[in-house]
Amino acid sequence: MSVSLGIVGAEKRYGSLVVLSGASAEFDVGRTNVLMGPSGAGKTTLLRVLAGLERLDGGEVLRPSNARLAMTFQEDRLCENLTATANIRLPHGRLRGRELEAFLARERAALEAVGLPVDARPVRELSGGQRRRVAILRAALADADVLFFDEPLKGMDEKTVCLVMDFILPLLAGKTVLWTTHDSSERGFFSDPTMWEVRDGQVRRV
C-alpha cells in the first residue's frame, strides 16, 4: 500500500501564469505539514492538486492508497439552507441508530467548545466567523486520515482562534495534515510541525 503524499515534477499553469514548475515534495505522513508562502504562490492550487480537485499539466501526484480526505477551503463552502449541525453532519450520511446519536452528541459538544450556538438557524444567518468555524468543524470531525486546511483561521479574532485550536488539535493527532497560512505565528500551535515554503513554482522543506 502506498503511504506517500506529494508531487513529483509537478507542472501547473493557468494560461501564461505558471504556478508549479517541476516541483517535487513528499510530505510527512501522520503529522502536520505547515505550508507558507506569499499570496498567489500556489498554496491553494497545491492542496487542490493533492486532494484530486485539480489536474496537473505534467508530473505525478502521490497519494496514500484508499486515503480518506477532508478539506477546509478558503471559502466556507457550506449549504446555505442547512443548519450548522446539518452541514457538519454531511460527511456522515450513513450513520444510523446509536452511532448517529453518538455523533450528534459529539457534534453538539464541538459546537459549544468553539463558541457556536446549537439551534435551528440556517448557516446563511450566521456571521462570517461563525460560518468559518462550521467549515472547520466539518473537516475536523470527518472520518478522514488526510486533512487539508487552506488558511482556515483567516478572519477570526484571537480569542476565537484559541477556542478553535484548543478543540481541533487533539483531533489532528496522528493524522496527515497540510495547513496553509500567511501567518508565521500559526506554526506555534503545532508541536514540531514540518515546515514548507511555496514560492516561485517550487515547494521546499524549510
N, C-alpha and C. Protein backbone atom coordinates (compact mmCIF):
# COMPACT_ATOMS: atom_id res chain seq x y z
N MET A 1 0.85 -1.20 0.00
CA MET A 1 0.00 0.00 0.00
C MET A 1 0.88 1.25 0.00
N SER A 2 0.59 2.18 -0.89
CA SER A 2 1.34 3.43 -0.92
C SER A 2 0.97 4.30 0.27
N VAL A 3 1.98 4.88 0.92
CA VAL A 3 1.70 5.80 2.02
C VAL A 3 2.26 7.18 1.74
N SER A 4 2.73 7.41 0.53
CA SER A 4 3.32 8.71 0.19
C SER A 4 2.24 9.72 -0.14
N LEU A 5 2.51 10.96 0.20
CA LEU A 5 1.67 12.07 -0.19
C LEU A 5 2.58 13.16 -0.72
N GLY A 6 2.42 13.51 -1.98
CA GLY A 6 3.28 14.55 -2.52
C GLY A 6 3.13 14.70 -4.02
N ILE A 7 4.11 15.36 -4.60
CA ILE A 7 4.13 15.61 -6.04
C ILE A 7 5.53 15.33 -6.56
N VAL A 8 5.60 14.92 -7.82
CA VAL A 8 6.89 14.65 -8.46
C VAL A 8 6.89 15.36 -9.81
N GLY A 9 7.83 16.30 -9.98
CA GLY A 9 7.94 17.03 -11.24
C GLY A 9 6.66 17.73 -11.65
N ALA A 10 5.95 18.29 -10.68
CA ALA A 10 4.62 18.85 -10.94
C ALA A 10 4.69 20.13 -11.77
N GLU A 11 3.86 20.17 -12.80
CA GLU A 11 3.69 21.36 -13.63
C GLU A 11 2.23 21.77 -13.60
N LYS A 12 1.99 23.05 -13.29
CA LYS A 12 0.62 23.55 -13.30
C LYS A 12 0.64 25.01 -13.70
N ARG A 13 -0.17 25.33 -14.68
CA ARG A 13 -0.26 26.73 -15.13
C ARG A 13 -1.70 27.06 -15.48
N TYR A 14 -2.00 28.33 -15.40
CA TYR A 14 -3.29 28.86 -15.84
C TYR A 14 -2.99 29.90 -16.91
N GLY A 15 -3.12 29.51 -18.17
CA GLY A 15 -2.72 30.40 -19.24
C GLY A 15 -1.23 30.67 -19.17
N SER A 16 -0.87 31.93 -19.08
CA SER A 16 0.55 32.29 -19.01
C SER A 16 1.09 32.28 -17.59
N LEU A 17 0.21 32.08 -16.60
CA LEU A 17 0.63 32.08 -15.19
C LEU A 17 1.13 30.70 -14.79
N VAL A 18 2.41 30.60 -14.46
CA VAL A 18 3.00 29.34 -14.02
C VAL A 18 2.89 29.26 -12.50
N VAL A 19 2.21 28.24 -12.01
CA VAL A 19 2.01 28.07 -10.57
C VAL A 19 2.99 27.05 -10.00
N LEU A 20 3.13 25.91 -10.65
CA LEU A 20 4.11 24.90 -10.26
C LEU A 20 5.00 24.62 -11.46
N SER A 21 6.29 24.60 -11.23
CA SER A 21 7.25 24.44 -12.32
C SER A 21 8.26 23.35 -11.97
N GLY A 22 7.89 22.10 -12.29
CA GLY A 22 8.77 20.98 -11.98
C GLY A 22 8.95 20.74 -10.50
N ALA A 23 7.93 21.07 -9.71
CA ALA A 23 8.04 20.98 -8.25
C ALA A 23 7.90 19.54 -7.78
N SER A 24 8.71 19.17 -6.81
CA SER A 24 8.64 17.86 -6.17
C SER A 24 8.68 18.03 -4.66
N ALA A 25 7.82 17.29 -3.96
CA ALA A 25 7.80 17.33 -2.50
C ALA A 25 7.11 16.08 -2.00
N GLU A 26 7.62 15.52 -0.92
CA GLU A 26 6.96 14.40 -0.26
C GLU A 26 6.67 14.80 1.17
N PHE A 27 5.41 14.93 1.49
CA PHE A 27 5.00 15.44 2.80
C PHE A 27 5.01 14.32 3.84
N ASP A 28 5.25 14.72 5.09
CA ASP A 28 5.31 13.75 6.16
C ASP A 28 3.92 13.21 6.46
N VAL A 29 3.78 11.90 6.44
CA VAL A 29 2.51 11.24 6.70
C VAL A 29 2.36 11.02 8.20
N GLY A 30 1.16 11.28 8.70
CA GLY A 30 0.89 11.07 10.12
C GLY A 30 1.28 12.23 11.01
N ARG A 31 1.58 13.39 10.40
CA ARG A 31 1.91 14.57 11.19
C ARG A 31 1.49 15.82 10.44
N THR A 32 1.69 16.98 11.06
CA THR A 32 1.25 18.24 10.47
C THR A 32 2.36 18.86 9.62
N ASN A 33 1.99 19.25 8.41
CA ASN A 33 2.87 19.96 7.48
C ASN A 33 2.29 21.37 7.30
N VAL A 34 3.06 22.39 7.66
CA VAL A 34 2.62 23.78 7.53
C VAL A 34 3.26 24.38 6.28
N LEU A 35 2.43 24.86 5.38
CA LEU A 35 2.91 25.44 4.12
C LEU A 35 2.73 26.95 4.16
N MET A 36 3.83 27.67 3.93
CA MET A 36 3.78 29.11 3.90
C MET A 36 4.27 29.62 2.55
N GLY A 37 3.96 30.87 2.26
CA GLY A 37 4.36 31.48 1.01
C GLY A 37 3.48 32.68 0.72
N PRO A 38 3.94 33.56 -0.15
CA PRO A 38 3.17 34.78 -0.45
C PRO A 38 1.85 34.46 -1.14
N SER A 39 0.94 35.41 -1.09
CA SER A 39 -0.34 35.26 -1.78
C SER A 39 -0.11 35.03 -3.26
N GLY A 40 -0.81 34.05 -3.82
CA GLY A 40 -0.67 33.76 -5.24
C GLY A 40 0.48 32.84 -5.58
N ALA A 41 1.19 32.34 -4.56
CA ALA A 41 2.36 31.49 -4.83
C ALA A 41 1.97 30.08 -5.25
N GLY A 42 0.73 29.67 -4.94
CA GLY A 42 0.29 28.35 -5.36
C GLY A 42 -0.08 27.41 -4.23
N LYS A 43 -0.21 27.91 -3.01
CA LYS A 43 -0.53 27.03 -1.88
C LYS A 43 -1.90 26.37 -2.07
N THR A 44 -2.89 27.18 -2.45
CA THR A 44 -4.23 26.63 -2.65
C THR A 44 -4.24 25.63 -3.80
N THR A 45 -3.58 25.97 -4.89
CA THR A 45 -3.51 25.06 -6.03
C THR A 45 -2.87 23.74 -5.63
N LEU A 46 -1.82 23.80 -4.84
CA LEU A 46 -1.15 22.59 -4.39
C LEU A 46 -2.10 21.71 -3.60
N LEU A 47 -2.85 22.29 -2.66
CA LEU A 47 -3.81 21.49 -1.89
C LEU A 47 -4.86 20.86 -2.80
N ARG A 48 -5.35 21.64 -3.74
CA ARG A 48 -6.38 21.13 -4.64
C ARG A 48 -5.85 20.00 -5.52
N VAL A 49 -4.61 20.11 -5.93
CA VAL A 49 -3.99 19.04 -6.71
C VAL A 49 -3.87 17.78 -5.86
N LEU A 50 -3.38 17.92 -4.65
CA LEU A 50 -3.21 16.77 -3.77
C LEU A 50 -4.55 16.12 -3.41
N ALA A 51 -5.60 16.94 -3.32
CA ALA A 51 -6.93 16.43 -2.99
C ALA A 51 -7.65 15.85 -4.19
N GLY A 52 -7.07 15.99 -5.38
CA GLY A 52 -7.71 15.46 -6.58
C GLY A 52 -8.74 16.38 -7.19
N LEU A 53 -8.74 17.65 -6.78
CA LEU A 53 -9.71 18.62 -7.31
C LEU A 53 -9.18 19.37 -8.52
N GLU A 54 -7.87 19.32 -8.74
CA GLU A 54 -7.24 19.92 -9.91
C GLU A 54 -6.30 18.89 -10.52
N ARG A 55 -6.15 18.93 -11.83
CA ARG A 55 -5.22 18.03 -12.51
C ARG A 55 -3.95 18.78 -12.88
N LEU A 56 -2.83 18.10 -12.74
CA LEU A 56 -1.56 18.68 -13.15
C LEU A 56 -1.48 18.72 -14.67
N ASP A 57 -0.70 19.68 -15.18
CA ASP A 57 -0.39 19.70 -16.61
C ASP A 57 0.76 18.74 -16.92
N GLY A 58 1.51 18.39 -15.92
CA GLY A 58 2.61 17.44 -16.08
C GLY A 58 3.08 17.00 -14.71
N GLY A 59 3.75 15.85 -14.65
CA GLY A 59 4.21 15.34 -13.38
C GLY A 59 3.23 14.36 -12.77
N GLU A 60 3.45 14.05 -11.50
CA GLU A 60 2.71 12.98 -10.84
C GLU A 60 2.29 13.41 -9.45
N VAL A 61 1.09 12.96 -9.04
CA VAL A 61 0.61 13.16 -7.67
C VAL A 61 0.74 11.85 -6.91
N LEU A 62 1.32 11.91 -5.73
CA LEU A 62 1.41 10.75 -4.84
C LEU A 62 0.36 10.91 -3.75
N ARG A 63 -0.42 9.86 -3.55
CA ARG A 63 -1.48 9.93 -2.54
C ARG A 63 -1.63 8.54 -1.91
N PRO A 64 -1.80 8.46 -0.59
CA PRO A 64 -1.96 7.15 0.04
C PRO A 64 -3.12 6.36 -0.57
N SER A 65 -2.92 5.06 -0.74
CA SER A 65 -3.99 4.22 -1.26
C SER A 65 -5.19 4.27 -0.32
N ASN A 66 -6.38 4.40 -0.92
CA ASN A 66 -7.64 4.41 -0.15
C ASN A 66 -7.68 5.53 0.89
N ALA A 67 -6.98 6.62 0.62
CA ALA A 67 -6.97 7.73 1.58
C ALA A 67 -8.36 8.34 1.71
N ARG A 68 -8.73 8.64 2.94
CA ARG A 68 -9.98 9.34 3.22
C ARG A 68 -9.62 10.81 3.45
N LEU A 69 -10.14 11.68 2.62
CA LEU A 69 -9.73 13.09 2.60
C LEU A 69 -10.84 14.00 3.12
N ALA A 70 -10.43 15.08 3.77
CA ALA A 70 -11.36 16.15 4.15
C ALA A 70 -10.63 17.47 3.95
N MET A 71 -11.39 18.53 3.66
CA MET A 71 -10.75 19.80 3.33
C MET A 71 -11.58 20.98 3.80
N THR A 72 -10.90 21.97 4.35
CA THR A 72 -11.48 23.28 4.61
C THR A 72 -10.91 24.25 3.58
N PHE A 73 -11.79 24.84 2.78
CA PHE A 73 -11.38 25.74 1.72
C PHE A 73 -11.26 27.17 2.28
N GLN A 74 -10.69 28.07 1.48
CA GLN A 74 -10.67 29.48 1.88
C GLN A 74 -12.08 30.04 1.92
N GLU A 75 -12.95 29.56 1.02
CA GLU A 75 -14.36 29.89 1.10
C GLU A 75 -15.02 28.83 1.97
N ASP A 76 -16.11 29.17 2.64
CA ASP A 76 -16.69 28.24 3.61
C ASP A 76 -17.33 27.02 2.97
N ARG A 77 -17.86 27.16 1.75
CA ARG A 77 -18.45 26.04 1.01
C ARG A 77 -19.52 25.31 1.84
N LEU A 78 -20.41 26.06 2.43
CA LEU A 78 -21.49 25.49 3.23
C LEU A 78 -22.78 25.43 2.43
N CYS A 79 -23.67 24.54 2.83
CA CYS A 79 -25.03 24.50 2.25
C CYS A 79 -25.86 25.54 2.99
N GLU A 80 -26.17 26.63 2.30
CA GLU A 80 -26.72 27.83 2.93
C GLU A 80 -28.03 27.60 3.67
N ASN A 81 -28.87 26.68 3.20
CA ASN A 81 -30.19 26.49 3.79
C ASN A 81 -30.19 25.49 4.93
N LEU A 82 -29.04 24.84 5.18
CA LEU A 82 -28.97 23.86 6.26
C LEU A 82 -28.42 24.51 7.53
N THR A 83 -28.73 23.90 8.65
CA THR A 83 -28.20 24.37 9.92
C THR A 83 -26.71 24.04 10.04
N ALA A 84 -26.08 24.58 11.07
CA ALA A 84 -24.68 24.26 11.31
C ALA A 84 -24.51 22.76 11.54
N THR A 85 -25.39 22.17 12.35
CA THR A 85 -25.26 20.74 12.64
C THR A 85 -25.45 19.90 11.38
N ALA A 86 -26.38 20.28 10.53
CA ALA A 86 -26.60 19.52 9.30
C ALA A 86 -25.41 19.63 8.37
N ASN A 87 -24.76 20.80 8.31
CA ASN A 87 -23.57 20.95 7.48
C ASN A 87 -22.42 20.08 7.99
N ILE A 88 -22.22 20.08 9.29
CA ILE A 88 -21.13 19.28 9.86
C ILE A 88 -21.39 17.79 9.66
N ARG A 89 -22.65 17.41 9.63
CA ARG A 89 -23.03 16.00 9.53
C ARG A 89 -23.00 15.48 8.10
N LEU A 90 -22.80 16.34 7.12
CA LEU A 90 -22.86 15.91 5.72
C LEU A 90 -21.93 14.73 5.39
N PRO A 91 -20.69 14.69 5.90
CA PRO A 91 -19.85 13.53 5.57
C PRO A 91 -20.24 12.24 6.29
N HIS A 92 -21.31 12.30 7.09
CA HIS A 92 -21.66 11.16 7.94
C HIS A 92 -23.07 10.65 7.63
N GLY A 93 -23.46 10.74 6.37
CA GLY A 93 -24.83 10.40 5.98
C GLY A 93 -25.23 8.97 6.21
N ARG A 94 -24.27 8.07 6.36
CA ARG A 94 -24.60 6.65 6.54
C ARG A 94 -24.80 6.25 7.99
N LEU A 95 -24.58 7.17 8.91
CA LEU A 95 -24.74 6.82 10.32
C LEU A 95 -26.21 6.60 10.66
N ARG A 96 -26.47 5.60 11.47
CA ARG A 96 -27.83 5.28 11.89
C ARG A 96 -27.81 4.86 13.36
N GLY A 97 -28.96 4.93 13.98
CA GLY A 97 -29.15 4.40 15.32
C GLY A 97 -28.21 5.00 16.35
N ARG A 98 -27.58 4.12 17.14
CA ARG A 98 -26.72 4.59 18.23
C ARG A 98 -25.50 5.33 17.73
N GLU A 99 -24.97 4.91 16.57
CA GLU A 99 -23.81 5.61 16.01
C GLU A 99 -24.16 7.06 15.68
N LEU A 100 -25.35 7.26 15.12
CA LEU A 100 -25.80 8.61 14.80
C LEU A 100 -26.01 9.42 16.08
N GLU A 101 -26.64 8.81 17.08
CA GLU A 101 -26.87 9.51 18.35
C GLU A 101 -25.54 9.93 18.97
N ALA A 102 -24.56 9.04 18.91
CA ALA A 102 -23.25 9.36 19.49
C ALA A 102 -22.59 10.51 18.74
N PHE A 103 -22.71 10.50 17.41
CA PHE A 103 -22.10 11.58 16.64
C PHE A 103 -22.81 12.90 16.92
N LEU A 104 -24.14 12.88 17.02
CA LEU A 104 -24.88 14.11 17.30
C LEU A 104 -24.45 14.72 18.63
N ALA A 105 -24.23 13.86 19.62
CA ALA A 105 -23.77 14.37 20.92
C ALA A 105 -22.37 14.96 20.79
N ARG A 106 -21.51 14.29 20.04
CA ARG A 106 -20.16 14.79 19.81
C ARG A 106 -20.19 16.11 19.05
N GLU A 107 -21.08 16.21 18.10
CA GLU A 107 -21.22 17.43 17.30
C GLU A 107 -21.67 18.60 18.16
N ARG A 108 -22.66 18.37 19.01
CA ARG A 108 -23.14 19.44 19.90
C ARG A 108 -22.02 19.91 20.82
N ALA A 109 -21.25 18.97 21.35
CA ALA A 109 -20.13 19.33 22.23
C ALA A 109 -19.09 20.15 21.47
N ALA A 110 -18.86 19.79 20.21
CA ALA A 110 -17.88 20.52 19.40
C ALA A 110 -18.34 21.95 19.16
N LEU A 111 -19.60 22.13 18.82
CA LEU A 111 -20.13 23.47 18.58
C LEU A 111 -19.99 24.34 19.82
N GLU A 112 -20.35 23.77 20.96
CA GLU A 112 -20.25 24.53 22.21
C GLU A 112 -18.79 24.86 22.54
N ALA A 113 -17.88 23.94 22.24
CA ALA A 113 -16.47 24.14 22.56
C ALA A 113 -15.85 25.31 21.81
N VAL A 114 -16.35 25.56 20.59
CA VAL A 114 -15.80 26.66 19.78
C VAL A 114 -16.70 27.89 19.81
N GLY A 115 -17.66 27.90 20.74
CA GLY A 115 -18.49 29.09 20.93
C GLY A 115 -19.59 29.29 19.91
N LEU A 116 -20.08 28.18 19.33
CA LEU A 116 -21.16 28.28 18.36
C LEU A 116 -22.48 27.85 18.98
N PRO A 117 -23.58 28.51 18.60
CA PRO A 117 -24.89 28.11 19.12
C PRO A 117 -25.36 26.81 18.47
N VAL A 118 -26.12 26.04 19.22
CA VAL A 118 -26.76 24.84 18.67
C VAL A 118 -28.24 25.18 18.53
N ASP A 119 -28.64 25.58 17.34
CA ASP A 119 -30.02 25.99 17.12
C ASP A 119 -30.44 25.66 15.69
N ALA A 120 -31.63 26.11 15.33
CA ALA A 120 -32.22 25.73 14.05
C ALA A 120 -32.01 26.75 12.95
N ARG A 121 -31.14 27.74 13.16
CA ARG A 121 -30.90 28.74 12.12
C ARG A 121 -30.12 28.16 10.96
N PRO A 122 -30.50 28.50 9.73
CA PRO A 122 -29.64 28.11 8.60
C PRO A 122 -28.34 28.89 8.66
N VAL A 123 -27.28 28.32 8.11
CA VAL A 123 -25.96 28.97 8.23
C VAL A 123 -25.91 30.31 7.50
N ARG A 124 -26.82 30.55 6.57
CA ARG A 124 -26.81 31.85 5.89
C ARG A 124 -27.08 32.99 6.86
N GLU A 125 -27.64 32.70 8.03
CA GLU A 125 -27.93 33.72 9.03
C GLU A 125 -26.79 33.90 10.04
N LEU A 126 -25.75 33.10 9.91
CA LEU A 126 -24.62 33.20 10.85
C LEU A 126 -23.62 34.25 10.37
N SER A 127 -22.82 34.74 11.29
CA SER A 127 -21.77 35.69 10.93
C SER A 127 -20.66 34.98 10.18
N GLY A 128 -19.77 35.77 9.57
CA GLY A 128 -18.66 35.19 8.83
C GLY A 128 -17.78 34.30 9.70
N GLY A 129 -17.48 34.77 10.92
CA GLY A 129 -16.64 33.98 11.82
C GLY A 129 -17.32 32.70 12.27
N GLN A 130 -18.63 32.77 12.47
CA GLN A 130 -19.36 31.56 12.85
C GLN A 130 -19.38 30.55 11.72
N ARG A 131 -19.59 31.02 10.52
CA ARG A 131 -19.59 30.13 9.35
C ARG A 131 -18.22 29.47 9.18
N ARG A 132 -17.19 30.24 9.44
CA ARG A 132 -15.83 29.69 9.31
C ARG A 132 -15.63 28.53 10.27
N ARG A 133 -16.12 28.69 11.48
CA ARG A 133 -15.98 27.63 12.47
C ARG A 133 -16.76 26.38 12.07
N VAL A 134 -17.92 26.57 11.47
CA VAL A 134 -18.69 25.41 11.00
C VAL A 134 -17.89 24.64 9.95
N ALA A 135 -17.28 25.36 9.02
CA ALA A 135 -16.49 24.71 7.97
C ALA A 135 -15.30 23.95 8.56
N ILE A 136 -14.65 24.53 9.56
CA ILE A 136 -13.51 23.86 10.19
C ILE A 136 -13.97 22.60 10.90
N LEU A 137 -15.07 22.68 11.63
CA LEU A 137 -15.56 21.51 12.35
C LEU A 137 -15.98 20.40 11.40
N ARG A 138 -16.57 20.77 10.28
CA ARG A 138 -16.99 19.74 9.32
C ARG A 138 -15.79 18.90 8.88
N ALA A 139 -14.65 19.56 8.62
CA ALA A 139 -13.45 18.82 8.23
C ALA A 139 -12.84 18.07 9.40
N ALA A 140 -12.71 18.74 10.54
CA ALA A 140 -12.02 18.14 11.68
C ALA A 140 -12.76 16.93 12.23
N LEU A 141 -14.10 16.93 12.12
CA LEU A 141 -14.89 15.81 12.64
C LEU A 141 -15.15 14.74 11.59
N ALA A 142 -14.69 14.97 10.37
CA ALA A 142 -14.88 13.97 9.32
C ALA A 142 -14.05 12.72 9.62
N ASP A 143 -14.53 11.59 9.13
CA ASP A 143 -13.80 10.33 9.31
C ASP A 143 -12.73 10.26 8.23
N ALA A 144 -11.68 11.08 8.40
CA ALA A 144 -10.64 11.21 7.39
C ALA A 144 -9.27 11.04 8.03
N ASP A 145 -8.31 10.56 7.23
CA ASP A 145 -6.95 10.43 7.74
C ASP A 145 -5.99 11.41 7.08
N VAL A 146 -6.46 12.13 6.03
CA VAL A 146 -5.67 13.20 5.41
C VAL A 146 -6.55 14.45 5.40
N LEU A 147 -6.06 15.51 6.02
CA LEU A 147 -6.85 16.74 6.18
C LEU A 147 -6.11 17.91 5.58
N PHE A 148 -6.83 18.67 4.74
CA PHE A 148 -6.28 19.87 4.11
C PHE A 148 -6.99 21.10 4.68
N PHE A 149 -6.22 22.03 5.22
CA PHE A 149 -6.78 23.27 5.77
C PHE A 149 -6.14 24.44 5.03
N ASP A 150 -6.95 25.15 4.26
CA ASP A 150 -6.45 26.25 3.44
C ASP A 150 -6.74 27.59 4.12
N GLU A 151 -5.74 28.10 4.84
CA GLU A 151 -5.88 29.34 5.62
C GLU A 151 -7.15 29.32 6.46
N PRO A 152 -7.33 28.31 7.30
CA PRO A 152 -8.60 28.13 8.00
C PRO A 152 -8.93 29.20 9.03
N LEU A 153 -7.92 29.86 9.60
CA LEU A 153 -8.16 30.80 10.69
C LEU A 153 -8.36 32.24 10.21
N LYS A 154 -8.35 32.42 8.92
CA LYS A 154 -8.47 33.76 8.34
C LYS A 154 -9.75 34.44 8.80
N GLY A 155 -9.64 35.67 9.30
CA GLY A 155 -10.81 36.46 9.64
C GLY A 155 -11.36 36.23 11.04
N MET A 156 -10.69 35.40 11.85
CA MET A 156 -11.18 35.16 13.20
C MET A 156 -10.32 35.91 14.21
N ASP A 157 -10.96 36.38 15.29
CA ASP A 157 -10.20 37.10 16.30
C ASP A 157 -9.40 36.12 17.16
N GLU A 158 -8.49 36.67 17.95
CA GLU A 158 -7.55 35.84 18.70
C GLU A 158 -8.25 34.90 19.68
N LYS A 159 -9.27 35.39 20.36
CA LYS A 159 -9.98 34.55 21.33
C LYS A 159 -10.64 33.36 20.63
N THR A 160 -11.27 33.62 19.50
CA THR A 160 -11.95 32.55 18.76
C THR A 160 -10.93 31.56 18.22
N VAL A 161 -9.81 32.06 17.70
CA VAL A 161 -8.76 31.17 17.20
C VAL A 161 -8.30 30.22 18.29
N CYS A 162 -8.12 30.72 19.50
CA CYS A 162 -7.67 29.87 20.60
C CYS A 162 -8.70 28.80 20.93
N LEU A 163 -9.99 29.17 20.92
CA LEU A 163 -11.05 28.19 21.17
C LEU A 163 -11.02 27.08 20.12
N VAL A 164 -10.90 27.49 18.86
CA VAL A 164 -10.90 26.53 17.76
C VAL A 164 -9.70 25.60 17.85
N MET A 165 -8.52 26.16 18.05
CA MET A 165 -7.31 25.35 18.06
C MET A 165 -7.27 24.42 19.28
N ASP A 166 -7.73 24.89 20.42
CA ASP A 166 -7.76 24.03 21.60
C ASP A 166 -8.64 22.81 21.34
N PHE A 167 -9.70 23.00 20.58
CA PHE A 167 -10.60 21.88 20.32
C PHE A 167 -10.08 20.94 19.23
N ILE A 168 -9.58 21.51 18.12
CA ILE A 168 -9.28 20.62 16.99
C ILE A 168 -7.90 19.95 17.07
N LEU A 169 -6.95 20.52 17.81
CA LEU A 169 -5.61 19.94 17.84
C LEU A 169 -5.60 18.46 18.25
N PRO A 170 -6.34 18.07 19.30
CA PRO A 170 -6.35 16.64 19.63
C PRO A 170 -6.93 15.77 18.52
N LEU A 171 -7.83 16.33 17.72
CA LEU A 171 -8.44 15.57 16.62
C LEU A 171 -7.46 15.34 15.47
N LEU A 172 -6.44 16.19 15.38
CA LEU A 172 -5.47 16.10 14.29
C LEU A 172 -4.31 15.16 14.61
N ALA A 173 -4.18 14.77 15.86
CA ALA A 173 -3.05 13.94 16.28
C ALA A 173 -3.01 12.63 15.49
N GLY A 174 -1.85 12.33 14.94
CA GLY A 174 -1.66 11.09 14.21
C GLY A 174 -2.18 11.10 12.79
N LYS A 175 -2.79 12.21 12.37
CA LYS A 175 -3.31 12.31 11.01
C LYS A 175 -2.34 13.11 10.13
N THR A 176 -2.46 12.92 8.84
CA THR A 176 -1.67 13.71 7.90
C THR A 176 -2.40 15.02 7.65
N VAL A 177 -1.77 16.12 8.01
CA VAL A 177 -2.39 17.43 7.91
C VAL A 177 -1.52 18.33 7.04
N LEU A 178 -2.14 19.00 6.08
CA LEU A 178 -1.49 20.07 5.33
C LEU A 178 -2.23 21.36 5.64
N TRP A 179 -1.52 22.32 6.19
CA TRP A 179 -2.10 23.54 6.74
C TRP A 179 -1.41 24.73 6.08
N THR A 180 -2.14 25.50 5.29
CA THR A 180 -1.54 26.67 4.66
C THR A 180 -1.87 27.93 5.46
N THR A 181 -0.93 28.86 5.48
CA THR A 181 -1.14 30.11 6.21
C THR A 181 -0.18 31.18 5.71
N HIS A 182 -0.57 32.44 5.94
CA HIS A 182 0.33 33.57 5.73
C HIS A 182 0.98 33.98 7.05
N ASP A 183 0.42 33.50 8.16
CA ASP A 183 0.80 33.96 9.49
C ASP A 183 1.80 32.99 10.12
N SER A 184 3.04 33.42 10.24
CA SER A 184 4.08 32.54 10.77
C SER A 184 3.82 32.12 12.22
N SER A 185 3.02 32.90 12.95
CA SER A 185 2.76 32.56 14.34
C SER A 185 1.92 31.29 14.47
N GLU A 186 1.21 30.91 13.41
CA GLU A 186 0.35 29.73 13.50
C GLU A 186 1.13 28.44 13.67
N ARG A 187 2.40 28.44 13.27
CA ARG A 187 3.21 27.24 13.47
C ARG A 187 3.32 26.91 14.95
N GLY A 188 3.17 27.94 15.80
CA GLY A 188 3.29 27.73 17.24
C GLY A 188 2.17 26.90 17.84
N PHE A 189 1.08 26.74 17.12
CA PHE A 189 0.00 25.90 17.62
C PHE A 189 0.37 24.42 17.59
N PHE A 190 1.31 24.06 16.73
CA PHE A 190 1.62 22.66 16.49
C PHE A 190 2.94 22.27 17.15
N SER A 191 3.01 21.03 17.59
CA SER A 191 4.23 20.50 18.19
C SER A 191 5.14 19.97 17.09
N ASP A 192 6.23 20.67 16.85
CA ASP A 192 7.24 20.26 15.89
C ASP A 192 6.65 19.95 14.50
N PRO A 193 5.97 20.91 13.87
CA PRO A 193 5.44 20.66 12.53
C PRO A 193 6.55 20.63 11.49
N THR A 194 6.31 20.00 10.36
CA THR A 194 7.21 20.08 9.23
C THR A 194 6.86 21.33 8.45
N MET A 195 7.84 22.19 8.21
CA MET A 195 7.61 23.48 7.58
C MET A 195 8.00 23.43 6.10
N TRP A 196 7.16 24.06 5.27
CA TRP A 196 7.38 24.11 3.83
C TRP A 196 7.17 25.53 3.33
N GLU A 197 7.86 25.87 2.26
CA GLU A 197 7.65 27.15 1.59
C GLU A 197 7.25 26.90 0.14
N VAL A 198 6.17 27.55 -0.27
CA VAL A 198 5.71 27.50 -1.67
C VAL A 198 6.04 28.85 -2.29
N ARG A 199 6.93 28.83 -3.28
CA ARG A 199 7.37 30.10 -3.88
C ARG A 199 8.05 29.82 -5.23
N ASP A 200 7.79 30.71 -6.17
CA ASP A 200 8.47 30.64 -7.48
C ASP A 200 8.30 29.28 -8.16
N GLY A 201 7.13 28.70 -8.03
CA GLY A 201 6.84 27.44 -8.70
C GLY A 201 7.40 26.21 -8.03
N GLN A 202 8.02 26.38 -6.85
CA GLN A 202 8.64 25.26 -6.15
C GLN A 202 8.01 25.07 -4.76
N VAL A 203 8.17 23.87 -4.22
CA VAL A 203 7.71 23.55 -2.88
C VAL A 203 8.91 22.98 -2.14
N ARG A 204 9.39 23.72 -1.12
CA ARG A 204 10.64 23.34 -0.46
C ARG A 204 10.44 23.17 1.04
N ARG A 205 11.05 22.12 1.58
CA ARG A 205 11.08 21.96 3.02
C ARG A 205 12.05 22.99 3.62
N VAL A 206 11.65 23.63 4.71
CA VAL A 206 12.49 24.67 5.33
C VAL A 206 12.75 24.34 6.80
